[in-house]
Amino acid sequence: MKRILIVAMLVVLAACKVEKTSNEEVQVTTPSKDEAKAAADRAETGVKAASEEVGEQATEAGRAIKSGAEKVRESEAGQAVAAGAREIGRGIAVGAGAAAEAAGDKLKEVGRKAQDDNRVVHTTTVETTTVQTTTRTSTQ
């Protein structure tokens, strides 16, 4: 939308005739209908050609980028990066497994401690009393 507005302003400016008079004044002469139409047609042709050129350049740039990416992917450095990424992925998986196992061991330990702390221990105390009786008998 901006481009269309800029092109339209350029068409209007290109169609106008600006002259500096001897009195240091600027005189603007607007074009006739035919002159304005001819200027608009020239601008439209220029815009179409420019847009086609931009489209072709964008297509060519896309092809070049795709080709460059394929070359990088197929290069030794690209393959090393891909192998490194796979190795990092495996390392993360192994590390996560070890962390889960360690967490499981710790949870098991905490669970056992909780069970031991909450066990009801029944203690029975037995009191034994020993009484010794002495009997004296006397004969007369």
C-alpha atoms as a PDB file:
ATOM      1  CA  MET A   1       0.000   0.000   0.000  1.00  0.00           C
ATOM      2  CA  LYS A   2       2.851   2.375   0.827  1.00  0.00           C
ATOM      3  CA  ARG A   3       4.487   1.641  -2.499  1.00  0.00           C
ATOM      4  CA  ILE A   4       1.324   2.430  -4.411  1.00  0.00           C
ATOM      5  CA  LEU A   5       0.990   5.744  -2.584  1.00  0.00           C
ATOM      6  CA  ILE A   6       4.630   6.641  -3.246  1.00  0.00           C
ATOM      7  CA  VAL A   7       4.294   5.724  -6.925  1.00  0.00           C
ATOM      8  CA  ALA A   8       1.129   7.799  -7.210  1.00  0.00           C
ATOM      9  CA  MET A   9       2.873  10.806  -5.644  1.00  0.00           C
ATOM     10  CA  LEU A  10       5.807  10.382  -8.010  1.00  0.00           C
ATOM     11  CA  VAL A  11       3.430  10.234 -10.977  1.00  0.00           C
ATOM     12  CA  VAL A  12       1.760  13.446  -9.900  1.00  0.00           C
ATOM     13  CA  LEU A  13       5.103  15.156  -9.315  1.00  0.00           C
ATOM     14  CA  ALA A  14       6.511  13.898 -12.607  1.00  0.00           C
ATOM     15  CA  ALA A  15       3.473  15.151 -14.496  1.00  0.00           C
ATOM     16  CA  CYS A  16       3.690  18.632 -12.975  1.00  0.00           C
ATOM     17  CA  LYS A  17       5.949  21.216 -14.513  1.00  0.00           C
ATOM     18  CA  VAL A  18       7.867  23.345 -12.004  1.00  0.00           C
ATOM     19  CA  GLU A  19       9.735  26.480 -13.133  1.00  0.00           C
ATOM     20  CA  LYS A  20      11.536  29.236 -11.297  1.00  0.00           C
ATOM     21  CA  THR A  21      10.573  32.670 -12.482  1.00  0.00           C
ATOM     22  CA  SER A  22      12.769  35.749 -12.576  1.00  0.00           C
ATOM     23  CA  ASN A  23      11.070  37.128  -9.419  1.00  0.00           C
ATOM     24  CA  GLU A  24      12.466  34.239  -7.283  1.00  0.00           C
ATOM     25  CA  GLU A  25       9.072  32.604  -7.341  1.00  0.00           C
ATOM     26  CA  VAL A  26       8.229  29.057  -8.255  1.00  0.00           C
ATOM     27  CA  GLN A  27       5.552  28.457 -10.847  1.00  0.00           C
ATOM     28  CA  VAL A  28       3.839  25.051 -11.003  1.00  0.00           C
ATOM     29  CA  THR A  29       1.980  24.128 -14.171  1.00  0.00           C
ATOM     30  CA  THR A  30      -0.372  21.201 -13.995  1.00  0.00           C
ATOM     31  CA  PRO A  31      -0.411  18.916 -17.000  1.00  0.00           C
ATOM     32  CA  SER A  32      -3.303  18.323 -19.292  1.00  0.00           C
ATOM     33  CA  LYS A  33      -5.347  15.168 -19.079  1.00  0.00           C
ATOM     34  CA  ASP A  34      -3.423  13.513 -21.904  1.00  0.00           C
ATOM     35  CA  GLU A  35      -0.030  14.415 -20.392  1.00  0.00           C
ATOM     36  CA  ALA A  36      -1.094  13.087 -16.971  1.00  0.00           C
ATOM     37  CA  LYS A  37      -2.378   9.851 -18.530  1.00  0.00           C
ATOM     38  CA  ALA A  38       0.881   9.375 -20.455  1.00  0.00           C
ATOM     39  CA  ALA A  39       2.914   9.959 -17.252  1.00  0.00           C
ATOM     40  CA  ALA A  40       0.734   7.465 -15.354  1.00  0.00           C
ATOM     41  CA  ASP A  41       1.185   4.872 -18.109  1.00  0.00           C
ATOM     42  CA  ARG A  42       4.972   5.330 -18.020  1.00  0.00           C
ATOM     43  CA  ALA A  43       4.968   4.965 -14.218  1.00  0.00           C
ATOM     44  CA  GLU A  44       2.767   1.872 -14.401  1.00  0.00           C
ATOM     45  CA  THR A  45       5.086   0.264 -16.942  1.00  0.00           C
ATOM     46  CA  GLY A  46       8.081   1.079 -14.727  1.00  0.00           C
ATOM     47  CA  VAL A  47       6.382  -0.379 -11.646  1.00  0.00           C
ATOM     48  CA  LYS A  48       5.486  -3.598 -13.476  1.00  0.00           C
ATOM     49  CA  ALA A  49       9.033  -4.013 -14.750  1.00  0.00           C
ATOM     50  CA  ALA A  50      10.473  -3.315 -11.305  1.00  0.00           C
ATOM     51  CA  SER A  51       8.118  -5.798  -9.607  1.00  0.00           C
ATOM     52  CA  GLU A  52       8.979  -8.503 -12.144  1.00  0.00           C
ATOM     53  CA  GLU A  53      12.681  -7.868 -11.602  1.00  0.00           C
ATOM     54  CA  VAL A  54      12.264  -8.003  -7.815  1.00  0.00           C
ATOM     55  CA  GLY A  55      10.341 -11.269  -8.139  1.00  0.00           C
ATOM     56  CA  GLU A  56      13.054 -12.818 -10.299  1.00  0.00           C
ATOM     57  CA  GLN A  57      15.765 -11.671  -7.884  1.00  0.00           C
ATOM     58  CA  ALA A  58      13.842 -13.076  -4.910  1.00  0.00           C
ATOM     59  CA  THR A  59      13.447 -16.422  -6.688  1.00  0.00           C
ATOM     60  CA  GLU A  60      17.151 -16.502  -7.520  1.00  0.00           C
ATOM     61  CA  ALA A  61      18.078 -15.586  -3.929  1.00  0.00           C
ATOM     62  CA  GLY A  62      15.860 -18.404  -2.645  1.00  0.00           C
ATOM     63  CA  ARG A  63      17.554 -20.898  -4.959  1.00  0.00           C
ATOM     64  CA  ALA A  64      20.999 -19.698  -3.853  1.00  0.00           C
ATOM     65  CA  ILE A  65      20.080 -19.989  -0.171  1.00  0.00           C
ATOM     66  CA  LYS A  66      18.655 -23.482  -0.675  1.00  0.00           C
ATOM     67  CA  SER A  67      21.750 -24.556  -2.585  1.00  0.00           C
ATOM     68  CA  GLY A  68      24.027 -23.126   0.104  1.00  0.00           C
ATOM     69  CA  ALA A  69      22.093 -24.876   2.860  1.00  0.00           C
ATOM     70  CA  GLU A  70      22.362 -28.199   1.018  1.00  0.00           C
ATOM     71  CA  LYS A  71      26.120 -27.718   0.573  1.00  0.00           C
ATOM     72  CA  VAL A  72      26.531 -26.957   4.277  1.00  0.00           C
ATOM     73  CA  ARG A  73      24.406 -29.971   5.256  1.00  0.00           C
ATOM     74  CA  GLU A  74      26.466 -32.253   3.006  1.00  0.00           C
ATOM     75  CA  SER A  75      29.821 -30.821   4.115  1.00  0.00           C
ATOM     76  CA  GLU A  76      32.003 -32.452   6.744  1.00  0.00           C
ATOM     77  CA  ALA A  77      31.320 -29.608   9.168  1.00  0.00           C
ATOM     78  CA  GLY A  78      27.564 -29.873   8.649  1.00  0.00           C
ATOM     79  CA  GLN A  79      27.653 -33.610   9.278  1.00  0.00           C
ATOM     80  CA  ALA A  80      29.754 -33.065  12.403  1.00  0.00           C
ATOM     81  CA  VAL A  81      27.201 -30.566  13.692  1.00  0.00           C
ATOM     82  CA  ALA A  82      24.361 -33.012  13.003  1.00  0.00           C
ATOM     83  CA  ALA A  83      26.244 -35.838  14.736  1.00  0.00           C
ATOM     84  CA  GLY A  84      26.935 -33.541  17.682  1.00  0.00           C
ATOM     85  CA  ALA A  85      23.253 -32.666  17.922  1.00  0.00           C
ATOM     86  CA  ARG A  86      22.331 -36.369  17.962  1.00  0.00           C
ATOM     87  CA  GLU A  87      24.981 -37.031  20.633  1.00  0.00           C
ATOM     88  CA  ILE A  88      23.634 -34.180  22.742  1.00  0.00           C
ATOM     89  CA  GLY A  89      20.166 -35.682  22.450  1.00  0.00           C
ATOM     90  CA  ARG A  90      21.425 -39.077  23.610  1.00  0.00           C
ATOM     91  CA  GLY A  91      23.335 -37.441  26.478  1.00  0.00           C
ATOM     92  CA  ILE A  92      20.239 -35.626  27.609  1.00  0.00           C
ATOM     93  CA  ALA A  93      18.224 -38.856  27.525  1.00  0.00           C
ATOM     94  CA  VAL A  94      20.879 -40.749  29.527  1.00  0.00           C
ATOM     95  CA  GLY A  95      21.172 -37.881  32.014  1.00  0.00           C
ATOM     96  CA  ALA A  96      17.417 -37.725  32.456  1.00  0.00           C
ATOM     97  CA  GLY A  97      17.315 -41.493  33.041  1.00  0.00           C
ATOM     98  CA  ALA A  98      20.076 -41.292  35.655  1.00  0.00           C
ATOM     99  CA  ALA A  99      18.329 -38.399  37.388  1.00  0.00           C
ATOM    100  CA  ALA A 100      15.040 -40.317  37.455  1.00  0.00           C
ATOM    101  CA  GLU A 101      16.777 -43.388  38.868  1.00  0.00           C
ATOM    102  CA  ALA A 102      18.521 -41.316  41.553  1.00  0.00           C
ATOM    103  CA  ALA A 103      15.223 -39.657  42.414  1.00  0.00           C
ATOM    104  CA  GLY A 104      13.590 -43.094  42.661  1.00  0.00           C
ATOM    105  CA  ASP A 105      16.325 -44.316  45.030  1.00  0.00           C
ATOM    106  CA  LYS A 106      15.947 -41.241  47.193  1.00  0.00           C
ATOM    107  CA  LEU A 107      12.157 -41.606  47.253  1.00  0.00           C
ATOM    108  CA  LYS A 108      12.517 -45.245  48.286  1.00  0.00           C
ATOM    109  CA  GLU A 109      14.863 -44.207  51.120  1.00  0.00           C
ATOM    110  CA  VAL A 110      12.489 -41.468  52.302  1.00  0.00           C
ATOM    111  CA  GLY A 111       9.563 -43.908  52.159  1.00  0.00           C
ATOM    112  CA  ARG A 112      11.359 -46.458  54.291  1.00  0.00           C
ATOM    113  CA  LYS A 113      12.298 -43.794  56.829  1.00  0.00           C
ATOM    114  CA  ALA A 114       8.697 -42.593  56.989  1.00  0.00           C
ATOM    115  CA  GLN A 115       7.494 -46.147  57.578  1.00  0.00           C
ATOM    116  CA  ASP A 116      10.083 -46.707  60.296  1.00  0.00           C
ATOM    117  CA  ASP A 117       9.223 -43.425  62.003  1.00  0.00           C
ATOM    118  CA  ASN A 118       5.517 -44.225  62.074  1.00  0.00           C
ATOM    119  CA  ARG A 119       5.636 -47.832  63.215  1.00  0.00           C
ATOM    120  CA  VAL A 120       3.909 -48.470  66.508  1.00  0.00           C
ATOM    121  CA  VAL A 121       6.287 -50.231  68.794  1.00  0.00           C
ATOM    122  CA  HIS A 122       4.535 -52.124  71.585  1.00  0.00           C
ATOM    123  CA  THR A 123       6.671 -52.517  74.641  1.00  0.00           C
ATOM    124  CA  THR A 124       5.592 -54.650  77.534  1.00  0.00           C
ATOM    125  CA  THR A 125       7.045 -54.081  80.933  1.00  0.00           C
ATOM    126  CA  VAL A 126       6.900 -56.965  83.355  1.00  0.00           C
ATOM    127  CA  GLU A 127       7.475 -56.288  87.018  1.00  0.00           C
ATOM    128  CA  THR A 128       8.478 -59.131  89.164  1.00  0.00           C
ATOM    129  CA  THR A 129       8.325 -58.859  92.905  1.00  0.00           C
ATOM    130  CA  THR A 130      10.002 -61.391  95.059  1.00  0.00           C
ATOM    131  CA  VAL A 131       8.853 -61.802  98.625  1.00  0.00           C
ATOM    132  CA  GLN A 132      10.957 -63.690 101.091  1.00  0.00           C
ATOM    133  CA  THR A 133       9.308 -65.035 104.118  1.00  0.00           C
ATOM    134  CA  THR A 134      11.116 -66.333 107.105  1.00  0.00           C
ATOM    135  CA  THR A 135       9.389 -68.528 109.626  1.00  0.00           C
ATOM    136  CA  ARG A 136      10.760 -69.227 113.096  1.00  0.00           C
ATOM    137  CA  THR A 137       9.547 -72.001 115.123  1.00  0.00           C
ATOM    138  CA  SER A 138      10.460 -72.465 118.634  1.00  0.00           C
ATOM    139  CA  THR A 139       9.906 -75.511 120.747  1.00  0.00           C
ATOM    140  CA  GLN A 140       9.457 -75.368 124.473  1.00  0.00           C
END
